[in-house]
Amino acid sequence: MHDELSFFEKVYAVVREIPSGRITTYGAIARYLAASKSARMVGWAMNNAHDCKEYVPAHRVVNRQGLLTGKVHFGSSDAMQMLLEKEGVRIEKDRVLDFAKLFWDPAIELKL
């Protein structure tokens, strides 16, 4: 990725590549961006994704256990779950079912 992009912009570029029906984690994005200890900063980027002009599918980013920890930033408590379910992702008790099967690792999937 280009060095002139801010960290948040780099995060958004990665998140825009996550296919519908797949999920990734804050930590996987941080590792891909060579900032392995910055998972929390990826979370902050996701919290601000609604301010982007270009759509960022932030609902596809969950914590390392598959929990919808960012759901409070979607306007209603069930919006994140509804967006994921619309894409075929099954959720139970705020956790992605079949997490390992649906996990999308940018380090493997992207050749940027």
Protein backbone atom coordinates (compact mmCIF):
# COMPACT_ATOMS: atom_id res chain seq x y z
CA MET A 1 0.00 0.00 0.00
CA HIS A 2 1.10 3.55 -0.52
CA ASP A 3 3.06 5.20 2.29
CA GLU A 4 1.22 8.50 1.84
CA LEU A 5 -2.04 6.94 3.02
CA SER A 6 -2.94 7.35 6.68
CA PHE A 7 -3.22 4.24 8.84
CA PHE A 8 -7.02 4.56 8.87
CA GLU A 9 -7.10 4.85 5.07
CA LYS A 10 -4.95 1.71 4.80
CA VAL A 11 -7.35 -0.11 7.14
CA TYR A 12 -10.34 1.01 5.06
CA ALA A 13 -8.65 -0.18 1.85
CA VAL A 14 -8.18 -3.66 3.37
CA VAL A 15 -11.72 -3.81 4.74
CA ARG A 16 -13.15 -2.89 1.34
CA GLU A 17 -11.52 -6.06 -0.02
CA ILE A 18 -13.30 -8.43 2.40
CA PRO A 19 -15.80 -10.41 0.31
CA SER A 20 -19.46 -10.46 1.22
CA GLY A 21 -20.21 -13.32 3.59
CA ARG A 22 -16.69 -13.41 5.01
CA ILE A 23 -15.20 -11.87 8.17
CA THR A 24 -11.79 -10.88 9.45
CA THR A 25 -10.39 -9.58 12.70
CA TYR A 26 -8.88 -6.35 13.94
CA GLY A 27 -5.64 -8.22 14.62
CA ALA A 28 -5.45 -9.81 11.16
CA ILE A 29 -5.74 -6.38 9.56
CA ALA A 30 -3.11 -4.93 11.91
CA ARG A 31 -0.71 -7.81 11.13
CA TYR A 32 -1.24 -7.35 7.39
CA LEU A 33 -0.38 -3.66 7.76
CA ALA A 34 2.84 -4.56 9.63
CA ALA A 35 1.42 -3.07 12.81
CA SER A 36 0.73 -6.26 14.76
CA LYS A 37 0.25 -4.48 18.09
CA SER A 38 -2.29 -2.05 16.62
CA ALA A 39 -5.50 -4.12 16.65
CA ARG A 40 -7.10 -1.50 18.91
CA MET A 41 -6.22 1.22 16.40
CA VAL A 42 -7.91 -0.85 13.67
CA GLY A 43 -10.95 -0.84 15.95
CA TRP A 44 -10.82 2.93 16.20
CA ALA A 45 -10.69 3.11 12.42
CA MET A 46 -13.79 0.90 12.23
CA ASN A 47 -15.55 3.16 14.75
CA ASN A 48 -14.95 6.07 12.37
CA ALA A 49 -15.72 4.23 9.13
CA HIS A 50 -19.19 5.76 8.92
CA ASP A 51 -17.50 9.13 8.19
CA CYS A 52 -15.88 7.84 4.98
CA LYS A 53 -17.18 9.05 1.62
CA GLU A 54 -16.57 5.61 0.10
CA TYR A 55 -18.45 2.75 1.81
CA VAL A 56 -16.48 0.63 4.28
CA PRO A 57 -18.11 -2.72 5.21
CA ALA A 58 -17.03 -2.42 8.85
CA HIS A 59 -19.58 -5.05 9.90
CA ARG A 60 -17.22 -7.71 8.46
CA VAL A 61 -14.57 -7.00 11.12
CA VAL A 62 -14.95 -8.80 14.45
CA ASN A 63 -12.69 -9.66 17.35
CA ARG A 64 -10.37 -12.68 17.37
CA GLN A 65 -13.06 -14.84 18.97
CA GLY A 66 -15.67 -13.92 16.38
CA LEU A 67 -17.55 -11.61 18.72
CA LEU A 68 -19.41 -8.58 17.37
CA THR A 69 -17.60 -6.22 19.73
CA GLY A 70 -18.08 -3.24 17.41
CA LYS A 71 -21.86 -3.55 17.28
CA VAL A 72 -22.42 -0.47 19.46
CA HIS A 73 -21.12 1.72 16.61
CA PHE A 74 -23.81 0.72 14.11
CA GLY A 75 -26.68 2.86 15.35
CA SER A 76 -28.75 0.02 16.80
CA SER A 77 -27.70 -2.98 18.85
CA ASP A 78 -28.65 -5.48 16.14
CA ALA A 79 -27.60 -3.61 12.96
CA MET A 80 -24.18 -5.30 12.67
CA GLN A 81 -25.73 -8.73 13.11
CA MET A 82 -28.44 -7.95 10.56
CA LEU A 83 -25.85 -6.83 7.98
CA LEU A 84 -23.84 -10.02 8.46
CA GLU A 85 -26.92 -12.25 8.36
CA LYS A 86 -28.02 -10.56 5.14
CA GLU A 87 -24.72 -11.83 3.69
CA GLY A 88 -25.35 -15.37 4.95
CA VAL A 89 -23.21 -15.21 8.09
CA ARG A 90 -24.87 -16.98 10.99
CA ILE A 91 -24.67 -15.28 14.39
CA GLU A 92 -25.56 -16.66 17.80
CA LYS A 93 -25.21 -14.70 21.04
CA ASP A 94 -23.22 -11.96 19.26
CA ARG A 95 -20.69 -14.50 17.93
CA VAL A 96 -20.02 -15.59 14.34
CA LEU A 97 -20.77 -19.28 13.88
CA ASP A 98 -18.36 -21.13 11.57
CA PHE A 99 -15.74 -18.49 12.34
CA ALA A 100 -12.79 -20.54 11.05
CA LYS A 101 -14.60 -21.37 7.82
CA LEU A 102 -15.58 -17.74 7.15
CA PHE A 103 -12.31 -16.15 8.28
CA TRP A 104 -10.67 -14.07 5.56
CA ASP A 105 -6.96 -13.44 6.18
CA PRO A 106 -5.66 -10.40 4.28
CA ALA A 107 -2.09 -11.73 4.57
CA ILE A 108 -3.14 -14.70 2.43
CA GLU A 109 -5.85 -13.16 0.28
CA LEU A 110 -4.21 -9.87 -0.67
CA LYS A 111 -1.06 -9.51 -2.67
CA LEU A 112 -0.67 -5.75 -2.15
